[in-house]
PDB file of all heavy atoms in Angstrom:
ATOM      1  N   GLU A   1      73.842 113.707  80.180  1.00  0.00           N
ATOM      2  CA  GLU A   1      72.476 114.171  80.408  1.00  0.00           C
ATOM      3  C   GLU A   1      72.453 115.614  80.904  1.00  0.00           C
ATOM      4  O   GLU A   1      71.635 116.420  80.470  1.00  0.00           O
ATOM      5  CB  GLU A   1      71.769 113.247  81.412  1.00  0.00           C
ATOM      6  CG  GLU A   1      70.300 113.580  81.599  1.00  0.00           C
ATOM      7  CD  GLU A   1      69.579 112.516  82.396  1.00  0.00           C
ATOM      8  OE1 GLU A   1      69.663 111.325  82.011  1.00  0.00           O
ATOM      9  OE2 GLU A   1      68.945 112.872  83.404  1.00  0.00           O
ATOM     10  N   HIS A   2      73.361 115.948  81.818  1.00  0.00           N
ATOM     11  CA  HIS A   2      73.437 117.312  82.331  1.00  0.00           C
ATOM     12  C   HIS A   2      73.756 118.292  81.206  1.00  0.00           C
ATOM     13  O   HIS A   2      73.180 119.382  81.126  1.00  0.00           O
ATOM     14  CB  HIS A   2      74.497 117.396  83.430  1.00  0.00           C
ATOM     15  CG  HIS A   2      74.666 118.769  84.010  1.00  0.00           C
ATOM     16  ND1 HIS A   2      73.656 119.407  84.711  1.00  0.00           N
ATOM     17  CD2 HIS A   2      75.714 119.649  83.978  1.00  0.00           C
ATOM     18  CE1 HIS A   2      74.072 120.596  85.099  1.00  0.00           C
ATOM     19  NE2 HIS A   2      75.309 120.772  84.664  1.00  0.00           N
ATOM     20  N   GLY A   3      74.653 117.893  80.311  1.00  0.00           N
ATOM     21  CA  GLY A   3      75.007 118.749  79.185  1.00  0.00           C
ATOM     22  C   GLY A   3      73.837 118.975  78.242  1.00  0.00           C
ATOM     23  O   GLY A   3      73.664 120.075  77.704  1.00  0.00           O
ATOM     24  N   HIS A   4      73.020 117.953  78.057  1.00  0.00           N
ATOM     25  CA  HIS A   4      71.855 118.093  77.193  1.00  0.00           C
ATOM     26  C   HIS A   4      70.838 119.076  77.785  1.00  0.00           C
ATOM     27  O   HIS A   4      70.249 119.884  77.057  1.00  0.00           O
ATOM     28  CB  HIS A   4      71.195 116.723  76.977  1.00  0.00           C
ATOM     29  CG  HIS A   4      71.988 115.833  76.071  1.00  0.00           C
ATOM     30  ND1 HIS A   4      71.683 114.506  75.839  1.00  0.00           N
ATOM     31  CD2 HIS A   4      73.114 116.074  75.326  1.00  0.00           C
ATOM     32  CE1 HIS A   4      72.548 113.982  75.002  1.00  0.00           C
ATOM     33  NE2 HIS A   4      73.429 114.911  74.676  1.00  0.00           N
ATOM     34  N   PHE A   5      70.634 118.981  79.081  1.00  0.00           N
ATOM     35  CA  PHE A   5      69.727 119.930  79.727  1.00  0.00           C
ATOM     36  C   PHE A   5      70.260 121.358  79.606  1.00  0.00           C
ATOM     37  O   PHE A   5      69.500 122.296  79.354  1.00  0.00           O
ATOM     38  CB  PHE A   5      69.532 119.572  81.201  1.00  0.00           C
ATOM     39  CG  PHE A   5      68.546 118.456  81.437  1.00  0.00           C
ATOM     40  CD1 PHE A   5      68.871 117.379  82.239  1.00  0.00           C
ATOM     41  CD2 PHE A   5      67.283 118.499  80.858  1.00  0.00           C
ATOM     42  CE1 PHE A   5      67.962 116.365  82.465  1.00  0.00           C
ATOM     43  CE2 PHE A   5      66.363 117.479  81.079  1.00  0.00           C
ATOM     44  CZ  PHE A   5      66.709 116.402  81.879  1.00  0.00           C
ATOM     45  N   LEU A   6      71.561 121.525  79.782  1.00  0.00           N
ATOM     46  CA  LEU A   6      72.156 122.849  79.651  1.00  0.00           C
ATOM     47  C   LEU A   6      71.970 123.400  78.239  1.00  0.00           C
ATOM     48  O   LEU A   6      71.719 124.598  78.048  1.00  0.00           O
ATOM     49  CB  LEU A   6      73.651 122.804  80.002  1.00  0.00           C
ATOM     50  CG  LEU A   6      74.015 122.696  81.481  1.00  0.00           C
ATOM     51  CD1 LEU A   6      75.529 122.612  81.643  1.00  0.00           C
ATOM     52  CD2 LEU A   6      73.474 123.907  82.250  1.00  0.00           C
ATOM     53  N   PHE A   7      72.080 122.531  77.252  1.00  0.00           N
ATOM     54  CA  PHE A   7      71.899 122.966  75.866  1.00  0.00           C
ATOM     55  C   PHE A   7      70.472 123.474  75.639  1.00  0.00           C
ATOM     56  O   PHE A   7      70.259 124.532  75.025  1.00  0.00           O
ATOM     57  CB  PHE A   7      72.196 121.809  74.907  1.00  0.00           C
ATOM     58  CG  PHE A   7      71.889 122.122  73.470  1.00  0.00           C
ATOM     59  CD1 PHE A   7      72.758 122.893  72.706  1.00  0.00           C
ATOM     60  CD2 PHE A   7      70.707 121.669  72.885  1.00  0.00           C
ATOM     61  CE1 PHE A   7      72.465 123.195  71.382  1.00  0.00           C
ATOM     62  CE2 PHE A   7      70.403 121.965  71.562  1.00  0.00           C
ATOM     63  CZ  PHE A   7      71.285 122.734  70.813  1.00  0.00           C
ATOM     64  N   ILE A   8      69.473 122.733  76.132  1.00  0.00           N
ATOM     65  CA  ILE A   8      68.082 123.154  75.953  1.00  0.00           C
ATOM     66  C   ILE A   8      67.823 124.456  76.695  1.00  0.00           C
ATOM     67  O   ILE A   8      67.136 125.361  76.186  1.00  0.00           O
ATOM     68  CB  ILE A   8      67.120 122.049  76.440  1.00  0.00           C
ATOM     69  CG1 ILE A   8      67.281 120.796  75.584  1.00  0.00           C
ATOM     70  CG2 ILE A   8      65.673 122.535  76.389  1.00  0.00           C
ATOM     71  CD1 ILE A   8      66.413 119.632  76.021  1.00  0.00           C
ATOM     72  N   GLN A   9      68.369 124.572  77.906  1.00  0.00           N
ATOM     73  CA  GLN A   9      68.192 125.811  78.671  1.00  0.00           C
ATOM     74  C   GLN A   9      68.824 126.996  77.953  1.00  0.00           C
ATOM     75  O   GLN A   9      68.230 128.085  77.875  1.00  0.00           O
ATOM     76  CB  GLN A   9      68.783 125.644  80.073  1.00  0.00           C
ATOM     77  CG  GLN A   9      67.976 124.706  80.961  1.00  0.00           C
ATOM     78  CD  GLN A   9      68.754 124.225  82.168  1.00  0.00           C
ATOM     79  OE1 GLN A   9      69.981 124.375  82.248  1.00  0.00           O
ATOM     80  NE2 GLN A   9      68.065 123.630  83.134  1.00  0.00           N
ATOM     81  N   ALA A  10      70.023 126.788  77.403  1.00  0.00           N
ATOM     82  CA  ALA A  10      70.689 127.865  76.661  1.00  0.00           C
ATOM     83  C   ALA A  10      69.891 128.241  75.411  1.00  0.00           C
ATOM     84  O   ALA A  10      69.759 129.425  75.072  1.00  0.00           O
ATOM     85  CB  ALA A  10      72.106 127.437  76.276  1.00  0.00           C
ATOM     86  N   ALA A  11      69.345 127.228  74.732  1.00  0.00           N
ATOM     87  CA  ALA A  11      68.542 127.488  73.531  1.00  0.00           C
ATOM     88  C   ALA A  11      67.291 128.280  73.876  1.00  0.00           C
ATOM     89  O   ALA A  11      66.894 129.200  73.146  1.00  0.00           O
ATOM     90  CB  ALA A  11      68.161 126.171  72.855  1.00  0.00           C
ATOM     91  N   SER A  12      66.660 127.952  75.010  1.00  0.00           N
ATOM     92  CA  SER A  12      65.441 128.665  75.396  1.00  0.00           C
ATOM     93  C   SER A  12      65.738 130.103  75.806  1.00  0.00           C
ATOM     94  O   SER A  12      64.968 131.018  75.489  1.00  0.00           O
ATOM     95  CB  SER A  12      64.734 127.917  76.535  1.00  0.00           C
ATOM     96  OG  SER A  12      65.533 127.880  77.701  1.00  0.00           O
ATOM     97  N   VAL A  13      66.870 130.317  76.487  1.00  0.00           N
ATOM     98  CA  VAL A  13      67.254 131.686  76.859  1.00  0.00           C
ATOM     99  C   VAL A  13      67.557 132.508  75.608  1.00  0.00           C
ATOM    100  O   VAL A  13      67.162 133.675  75.493  1.00  0.00           O
ATOM    101  CB  VAL A  13      68.465 131.676  77.817  1.00  0.00           C
ATOM    102  CG1 VAL A  13      69.001 133.085  78.014  1.00  0.00           C
ATOM    103  CG2 VAL A  13      68.083 131.065  79.156  1.00  0.00           C
ATOM    104  N   THR A  14      68.253 131.895  74.654  1.00  0.00           N
ATOM    105  CA  THR A  14      68.546 132.578  73.388  1.00  0.00           C
ATOM    106  C   THR A  14      67.260 132.971  72.679  1.00  0.00           C
ATOM    107  O   THR A  14      67.114 134.098  72.167  1.00  0.00           O
ATOM    108  CB  THR A  14      69.386 131.664  72.472  1.00  0.00           C
ATOM    109  OG1 THR A  14      70.596 131.300  73.151  1.00  0.00           O
ATOM    110  CG2 THR A  14      69.730 132.374  71.170  1.00  0.00           C
ATOM    111  N   LEU A  15      66.290 132.049  72.658  1.00  0.00           N
ATOM    112  CA  LEU A  15      65.002 132.336  72.038  1.00  0.00           C
ATOM    113  C   LEU A  15      64.294 133.482  72.757  1.00  0.00           C
ATOM    114  O   LEU A  15      63.725 134.382  72.117  1.00  0.00           O
ATOM    115  CB  LEU A  15      64.122 131.083  72.054  1.00  0.00           C
ATOM    116  CG  LEU A  15      62.682 131.257  71.570  1.00  0.00           C
ATOM    117  CD1 LEU A  15      62.655 131.679  70.096  1.00  0.00           C
ATOM    118  CD2 LEU A  15      61.885 129.977  71.777  1.00  0.00           C
ATOM    119  N   ALA A  16      64.346 133.476  74.088  1.00  0.00           N
ATOM    120  CA  ALA A  16      63.671 134.518  74.870  1.00  0.00           C
ATOM    121  C   ALA A  16      64.259 135.895  74.576  1.00  0.00           C
ATOM    122  O   ALA A  16      63.529 136.868  74.349  1.00  0.00           O
ATOM    123  CB  ALA A  16      63.774 134.201  76.355  1.00  0.00           C
ATOM    124  N   VAL A  17      65.595 135.979  74.571  1.00  0.00           N
ATOM    125  CA  VAL A  17      66.256 137.259  74.295  1.00  0.00           C
ATOM    126  C   VAL A  17      65.942 137.712  72.873  1.00  0.00           C
ATOM    127  O   VAL A  17      65.685 138.898  72.613  1.00  0.00           O
ATOM    128  CB  VAL A  17      67.771 137.137  74.514  1.00  0.00           C
ATOM    129  CG1 VAL A  17      68.494 138.409  74.069  1.00  0.00           C
ATOM    130  CG2 VAL A  17      68.081 136.841  75.983  1.00  0.00           C
ATOM    131  N   TYR A  18      65.945 136.765  71.959  1.00  0.00           N
ATOM    132  CA  TYR A  18      65.658 137.076  70.553  1.00  0.00           C
ATOM    133  C   TYR A  18      64.244 137.631  70.388  1.00  0.00           C
ATOM    134  O   TYR A  18      64.023 138.628  69.688  1.00  0.00           O
ATOM    135  CB  TYR A  18      65.832 135.808  69.715  1.00  0.00           C
ATOM    136  CG  TYR A  18      65.447 135.972  68.265  1.00  0.00           C
ATOM    137  CD1 TYR A  18      66.317 136.545  67.351  1.00  0.00           C
ATOM    138  CD2 TYR A  18      64.193 135.544  67.820  1.00  0.00           C
ATOM    139  CE1 TYR A  18      65.957 136.700  66.018  1.00  0.00           C
ATOM    140  CE2 TYR A  18      63.832 135.690  66.484  1.00  0.00           C
ATOM    141  CZ  TYR A  18      64.715 136.272  65.592  1.00  0.00           C
ATOM    142  OH  TYR A  18      64.354 136.424  64.273  1.00  0.00           O
ATOM    143  N   LEU A  19      63.274 136.999  71.040  1.00  0.00           N
ATOM    144  CA  LEU A  19      61.885 137.444  70.927  1.00  0.00           C
ATOM    145  C   LEU A  19      61.701 138.846  71.479  1.00  0.00           C
ATOM    146  O   LEU A  19      61.024 139.691  70.866  1.00  0.00           O
ATOM    147  CB  LEU A  19      60.961 136.461  71.654  1.00  0.00           C
ATOM    148  CG  LEU A  19      60.778 135.088  71.005  1.00  0.00           C
ATOM    149  CD1 LEU A  19      60.035 134.146  71.949  1.00  0.00           C
ATOM    150  CD2 LEU A  19      60.022 135.208  69.688  1.00  0.00           C
ATOM    151  N   LEU A  20      62.283 139.105  72.638  1.00  0.00           N
ATOM    152  CA  LEU A  20      62.148 140.432  73.238  1.00  0.00           C
ATOM    153  C   LEU A  20      62.807 141.490  72.354  1.00  0.00           C
ATOM    154  O   LEU A  20      62.244 142.568  72.123  1.00  0.00           O
ATOM    155  CB  LEU A  20      62.770 140.445  74.636  1.00  0.00           C
ATOM    156  CG  LEU A  20      62.639 141.757  75.406  1.00  0.00           C
ATOM    157  CD1 LEU A  20      61.170 142.091  75.653  1.00  0.00           C
ATOM    158  CD2 LEU A  20      63.387 141.680  76.733  1.00  0.00           C
ATOM    159  N   THR A  21      63.997 141.185  71.841  1.00  0.00           N
ATOM    160  CA  THR A  21      64.732 142.143  71.005  1.00  0.00           C
ATOM    161  C   THR A  21      63.983 142.468  69.721  1.00  0.00           C
ATOM    162  O   THR A  21      63.821 143.639  69.346  1.00  0.00           O
ATOM    163  CB  THR A  21      66.127 141.588  70.663  1.00  0.00           C
ATOM    164  OG1 THR A  21      66.835 141.290  71.871  1.00  0.00           O
ATOM    165  CG2 THR A  21      66.922 142.594  69.846  1.00  0.00           C
ATOM    166  N   THR A  22      63.510 141.428  69.036  1.00  0.00           N
ATOM    167  CA  THR A  22      62.831 141.660  67.761  1.00  0.00           C
ATOM    168  C   THR A  22      61.486 142.357  67.948  1.00  0.00           C
ATOM    169  O   THR A  22      61.063 143.143  67.091  1.00  0.00           O
ATOM    170  CB  THR A  22      62.626 140.336  67.004  1.00  0.00           C
ATOM    171  OG1 THR A  22      62.000 139.367  67.876  1.00  0.00           O
ATOM    172  CG2 THR A  22      63.962 139.773  66.527  1.00  0.00           C
ATOM    173  N   THR A  23      60.796 142.077  69.049  1.00  0.00           N
ATOM    174  CA  THR A  23      59.530 142.765  69.320  1.00  0.00           C
ATOM    175  C   THR A  23      59.752 144.259  69.520  1.00  0.00           C
ATOM    176  O   THR A  23      59.004 145.105  69.002  1.00  0.00           O
ATOM    177  CB  THR A  23      58.840 142.177  70.561  1.00  0.00           C
ATOM    178  OG1 THR A  23      58.582 140.788  70.341  1.00  0.00           O
ATOM    179  CG2 THR A  23      57.525 142.894  70.849  1.00  0.00           C
ATOM    180  N   ILE A  24      60.819 144.600  70.243  1.00  0.00           N
ATOM    181  CA  ILE A  24      61.143 146.017  70.465  1.00  0.00           C
ATOM    182  C   ILE A  24      61.549 146.689  69.152  1.00  0.00           C
ATOM    183  O   ILE A  24      61.152 147.819  68.859  1.00  0.00           O
ATOM    184  CB  ILE A  24      62.253 146.153  71.527  1.00  0.00           C
ATOM    185  CG1 ILE A  24      61.732 145.694  72.894  1.00  0.00           C
ATOM    186  CG2 ILE A  24      62.747 147.591  71.618  1.00  0.00           C
ATOM    187  CD1 ILE A  24      62.787 145.650  73.977  1.00  0.00           C
ATOM    188  N   LEU A  25      62.343 145.981  68.339  1.00  0.00           N
ATOM    189  CA  LEU A  25      62.747 146.527  67.042  1.00  0.00           C
ATOM    190  C   LEU A  25      61.532 146.798  66.163  1.00  0.00           C
ATOM    191  O   LEU A  25      61.451 147.832  65.494  1.00  0.00           O
ATOM    192  CB  LEU A  25      63.699 145.551  66.335  1.00  0.00           C
ATOM    193  CG  LEU A  25      65.117 145.433  66.895  1.00  0.00           C
ATOM    194  CD1 LEU A  25      65.881 144.336  66.169  1.00  0.00           C
ATOM    195  CD2 LEU A  25      65.854 146.762  66.778  1.00  0.00           C
ATOM    196  N   LYS A  26      60.590 145.880  66.174  1.00  0.00           N
ATOM    197  CA  LYS A  26      59.378 146.042  65.370  1.00  0.00           C
ATOM    198  C   LYS A  26      58.562 147.239  65.850  1.00  0.00           C
ATOM    199  O   LYS A  26      57.927 147.955  65.056  1.00  0.00           O
ATOM    200  CB  LYS A  26      58.530 144.765  65.442  1.00  0.00           C
ATOM    201  CG  LYS A  26      57.205 144.820  64.696  1.00  0.00           C
ATOM    202  CD  LYS A  26      57.396 144.901  63.193  1.00  0.00           C
ATOM    203  CE  LYS A  26      56.076 144.823  62.459  1.00  0.00           C
ATOM    204  NZ  LYS A  26      56.221 144.937  61.000  1.00  0.00           N
ATOM    205  N   GLU A  27      58.596 147.486  67.158  1.00  0.00           N
ATOM    206  CA  GLU A  27      57.806 148.578  67.731  1.00  0.00           C
ATOM    207  C   GLU A  27      58.362 149.946  67.353  1.00  0.00           C
ATOM    208  O   GLU A  27      57.609 150.884  67.094  1.00  0.00           O
ATOM    209  CB  GLU A  27      57.767 148.413  69.258  1.00  0.00           C
ATOM    210  CG  GLU A  27      56.947 149.460  69.989  1.00  0.00           C
ATOM    211  CD  GLU A  27      55.459 149.321  69.738  1.00  0.00           C
ATOM    212  OE1 GLU A  27      55.013 148.247  69.265  1.00  0.00           O
ATOM    213  OE2 GLU A  27      54.735 150.303  69.999  1.00  0.00           O
ATOM    214  N   TYR A  28      59.695 150.051  67.337  1.00  0.00           N
ATOM    215  CA  TYR A  28      60.315 151.370  67.164  1.00  0.00           C
ATOM    216  C   TYR A  28      60.846 151.645  65.762  1.00  0.00           C
ATOM    217  O   TYR A  28      61.215 152.766  65.451  1.00  0.00           O
ATOM    218  CB  TYR A  28      61.443 151.541  68.181  1.00  0.00           C
ATOM    219  CG  TYR A  28      60.927 151.697  69.591  1.00  0.00           C
ATOM    220  CD1 TYR A  28      60.992 150.650  70.496  1.00  0.00           C
ATOM    221  CD2 TYR A  28      60.368 152.903  70.024  1.00  0.00           C
ATOM    222  CE1 TYR A  28      60.513 150.780  71.794  1.00  0.00           C
ATOM    223  CE2 TYR A  28      59.888 153.052  71.308  1.00  0.00           C
ATOM    224  CZ  TYR A  28      59.968 151.990  72.195  1.00  0.00           C
ATOM    225  OH  TYR A  28      59.483 152.131  73.477  1.00  0.00           O
ATOM    226  N   PHE A  29      60.910 150.591  64.927  1.00  0.00           N
ATOM    227  CA  PHE A  29      61.422 150.791  63.574  1.00  0.00           C
ATOM    228  C   PHE A  29      60.436 150.206  62.562  1.00  0.00           C
ATOM    229  O   PHE A  29      59.750 149.217  62.849  1.00  0.00           O
ATOM    230  CB  PHE A  29      62.799 150.130  63.398  1.00  0.00           C
ATOM    231  CG  PHE A  29      63.850 150.690  64.300  1.00  0.00           C
ATOM    232  CD1 PHE A  29      64.166 150.049  65.502  1.00  0.00           C
ATOM    233  CD2 PHE A  29      64.527 151.850  63.973  1.00  0.00           C
ATOM    234  CE1 PHE A  29      65.129 150.556  66.343  1.00  0.00           C
ATOM    235  CE2 PHE A  29      65.507 152.363  64.815  1.00  0.00           C
ATOM    236  CZ  PHE A  29      65.806 151.712  66.003  1.00  0.00           C
ATOM    237  N   SER A  30      60.405 150.790  61.415  1.00  0.00           N
ATOM    238  CA  SER A  30      59.539 150.300  60.344  1.00  0.00           C
ATOM    239  C   SER A  30      60.272 149.195  59.582  1.00  0.00           C
ATOM    240  O   SER A  30      61.224 149.455  58.846  1.00  0.00           O
ATOM    241  CB  SER A  30      59.173 151.449  59.399  1.00  0.00           C
ATOM    242  OG  SER A  30      58.360 150.984  58.351  1.00  0.00           O
ATOM    243  N   LEU A  31      59.834 147.976  59.785  1.00  0.00           N
ATOM    244  CA  LEU A  31      60.488 146.826  59.162  1.00  0.00           C
ATOM    245  C   LEU A  31      59.643 146.328  58.005  1.00  0.00           C
ATOM    246  O   LEU A  31      58.416 146.217  58.118  1.00  0.00           O
ATOM    247  CB  LEU A  31      60.674 145.696  60.180  1.00  0.00           C
ATOM    248  CG  LEU A  31      61.474 146.045  61.449  1.00  0.00           C
ATOM    249  CD1 LEU A  31      61.516 144.834  62.375  1.00  0.00           C
ATOM    250  CD2 LEU A  31      62.886 146.493  61.096  1.00  0.00           C
ATOM    251  N   GLY A  32      60.292 146.015  56.905  1.00  0.00           N
ATOM    252  CA  GLY A  32      59.574 145.499  55.746  1.00  0.00           C
ATOM    253  C   GLY A  32      59.121 144.070  55.967  1.00  0.00           C
ATOM    254  O   GLY A  32      59.535 143.399  56.912  1.00  0.00           O
ATOM    255  N   ASN A  33      58.272 143.586  55.075  1.00  0.00           N
ATOM    256  CA  ASN A  33      57.765 142.224  55.190  1.00  0.00           C
ATOM    257  C   ASN A  33      58.873 141.187  55.111  1.00  0.00           C
ATOM    258  O   ASN A  33      58.835 140.165  55.804  1.00  0.00           O
ATOM    259  CB  ASN A  33      56.727 141.958  54.093  1.00  0.00           C
ATOM    260  CG  ASN A  33      55.433 142.714  54.329  1.00  0.00           C
ATOM    261  OD1 ASN A  33      55.122 143.061  55.469  1.00  0.00           O
ATOM    262  ND2 ASN A  33      54.698 142.979  53.265  1.00  0.00           N
ATOM    263  N   THR A  34      59.872 141.465  54.249  1.00  0.00           N
ATOM    264  CA  THR A  34      60.957 140.491  54.094  1.00  0.00           C
ATOM    265  C   THR A  34      61.695 140.284  55.408  1.00  0.00           C
ATOM    266  O   THR A  34      61.943 139.148  55.836  1.00  0.00           O
ATOM    267  CB  THR A  34      61.944 140.952  53.005  1.00  0.00           C
ATOM    268  OG1 THR A  34      61.246 141.132  51.771  1.00  0.00           O
ATOM    269  CG2 THR A  34      63.056 139.933  52.829  1.00  0.00           C
ATOM    270  N   ILE A  35      62.058 141.375  56.072  1.00  0.00           N
ATOM    271  CA  ILE A  35      62.785 141.271  57.348  1.00  0.00           C
ATOM    272  C   ILE A  35      61.905 140.614  58.405  1.00  0.00           C
ATOM    273  O   ILE A  35      62.377 139.795  59.202  1.00  0.00           O
ATOM    274  CB  ILE A  35      63.233 142.672  57.810  1.00  0.00           C
ATOM    275  CG1 ILE A  35      64.191 143.231  56.800  1.00  0.00           C
ATOM    276  CG2 ILE A  35      63.781 142.625  59.213  1.00  0.00           C
ATOM    277  CD1 ILE A  35      65.152 144.245  57.216  1.00  0.00           C
ATOM    278  N   SER A  36      60.627 140.939  58.421  1.00  0.00           N
ATOM    279  CA  SER A  36      59.708 140.335  59.388  1.00  0.00           C
ATOM    280  C   SER A  36      59.650 138.823  59.202  1.00  0.00           C
ATOM    281  O   SER A  36      59.692 138.057  60.175  1.00  0.00           O
ATOM    282  CB  SER A  36      58.302 140.928  59.232  1.00  0.00           C
ATOM    283  OG  SER A  36      58.295 142.294  59.560  1.00  0.00           O
ATOM    284  N   TYR A  37      59.580 138.375  57.948  1.00  0.00           N
ATOM    285  CA  TYR A  37      59.524 136.932  57.690  1.00  0.00           C
ATOM    286  C   TYR A  37      60.848 136.248  58.054  1.00  0.00           C
ATOM    287  O   TYR A  37      60.853 135.087  58.499  1.00  0.00           O
ATOM    288  CB  TYR A  37      59.179 136.669  56.221  1.00  0.00           C
ATOM    289  CG  TYR A  37      57.766 137.060  55.866  1.00  0.00           C
ATOM    290  CD1 TYR A  37      57.460 137.594  54.612  1.00  0.00           C
ATOM    291  CD2 TYR A  37      56.725 136.905  56.775  1.00  0.00           C
ATOM    292  CE1 TYR A  37      56.159 137.963  54.282  1.00  0.00           C
ATOM    293  CE2 TYR A  37      55.426 137.272  56.458  1.00  0.00           C
ATOM    294  CZ  TYR A  37      55.147 137.801  55.215  1.00  0.00           C
ATOM    295  OH  TYR A  37      53.858 138.159  54.896  1.00  0.00           O
ATOM    296  N   ILE A  38      61.964 136.958  57.873  1.00  0.00           N
ATOM    297  CA  ILE A  38      63.266 136.403  58.288  1.00  0.00           C
ATOM    298  C   ILE A  38      63.288 136.230  59.801  1.00  0.00           C
ATOM    299  O   ILE A  38      63.767 135.211  60.320  1.00  0.00           O
ATOM    300  CB  ILE A  38      64.411 137.313  57.814  1.00  0.00           C
ATOM    301  CG1 ILE A  38      64.548 137.253  56.285  1.00  0.00           C
ATOM    302  CG2 ILE A  38      65.733 136.899  58.477  1.00  0.00           C
ATOM    303  CD1 ILE A  38      65.561 138.226  55.720  1.00  0.00           C
ATOM    304  N   PHE A  39      62.775 137.236  60.518  1.00  0.00           N
ATOM    305  CA  PHE A  39      62.703 137.139  61.975  1.00  0.00           C
ATOM    306  C   PHE A  39      61.897 135.909  62.406  1.00  0.00           C
ATOM    307  O   PHE A  39      62.278 135.179  63.327  1.00  0.00           O
ATOM    308  CB  PHE A  39      62.064 138.400  62.565  1.00  0.00           C
ATOM    309  CG  PHE A  39      63.008 139.571  62.659  1.00  0.00           C
ATOM    310  CD1 PHE A  39      62.517 140.844  62.909  1.00  0.00           C
ATOM    311  CD2 PHE A  39      64.375 139.411  62.496  1.00  0.00           C
ATOM    312  CE1 PHE A  39      63.371 141.934  63.009  1.00  0.00           C
ATOM    313  CE2 PHE A  39      65.246 140.483  62.580  1.00  0.00           C
ATOM    314  CZ  PHE A  39      64.745 141.748  62.841  1.00  0.00           C
ATOM    315  N   ILE A  40      60.770 135.678  61.735  1.00  0.00           N
ATOM    316  CA  ILE A  40      59.924 134.530  62.081  1.00  0.00           C
ATOM    317  C   ILE A  40      60.645 133.221  61.771  1.00  0.00           C
ATOM    318  O   ILE A  40      60.571 132.252  62.541  1.00  0.00           O
ATOM    319  CB  ILE A  40      58.585 134.603  61.314  1.00  0.00           C
ATOM    320  CG1 ILE A  40      57.777 135.817  61.766  1.00  0.00           C
ATOM    321  CG2 ILE A  40      57.780 133.322  61.517  1.00  0.00           C
ATOM    322  CD1 ILE A  40      57.369 135.786  63.221  1.00  0.00           C
ATOM    323  N   ALA A  41      61.363 133.173  60.650  1.00  0.00           N
ATOM    324  CA  ALA A  41      62.088 131.958  60.272  1.00  0.00           C
ATOM    325  C   ALA A  41      63.163 131.617  61.304  1.00  0.00           C
ATOM    326  O   ALA A  41      63.334 130.445  61.685  1.00  0.00           O
ATOM    327  CB  ALA A  41      62.716 132.133  58.891  1.00  0.00           C
TER     328      ALA A  41
END
């Protein structure tokens, strides 16, 4: 059970870092629609 909680916590942290990184990339670089849709996927 402890391992399962750790997995969800790690997944949520990964998602958080990913969201912040991609938002900054979108702000400072011109990304095409294809790359934007890949980011969302």
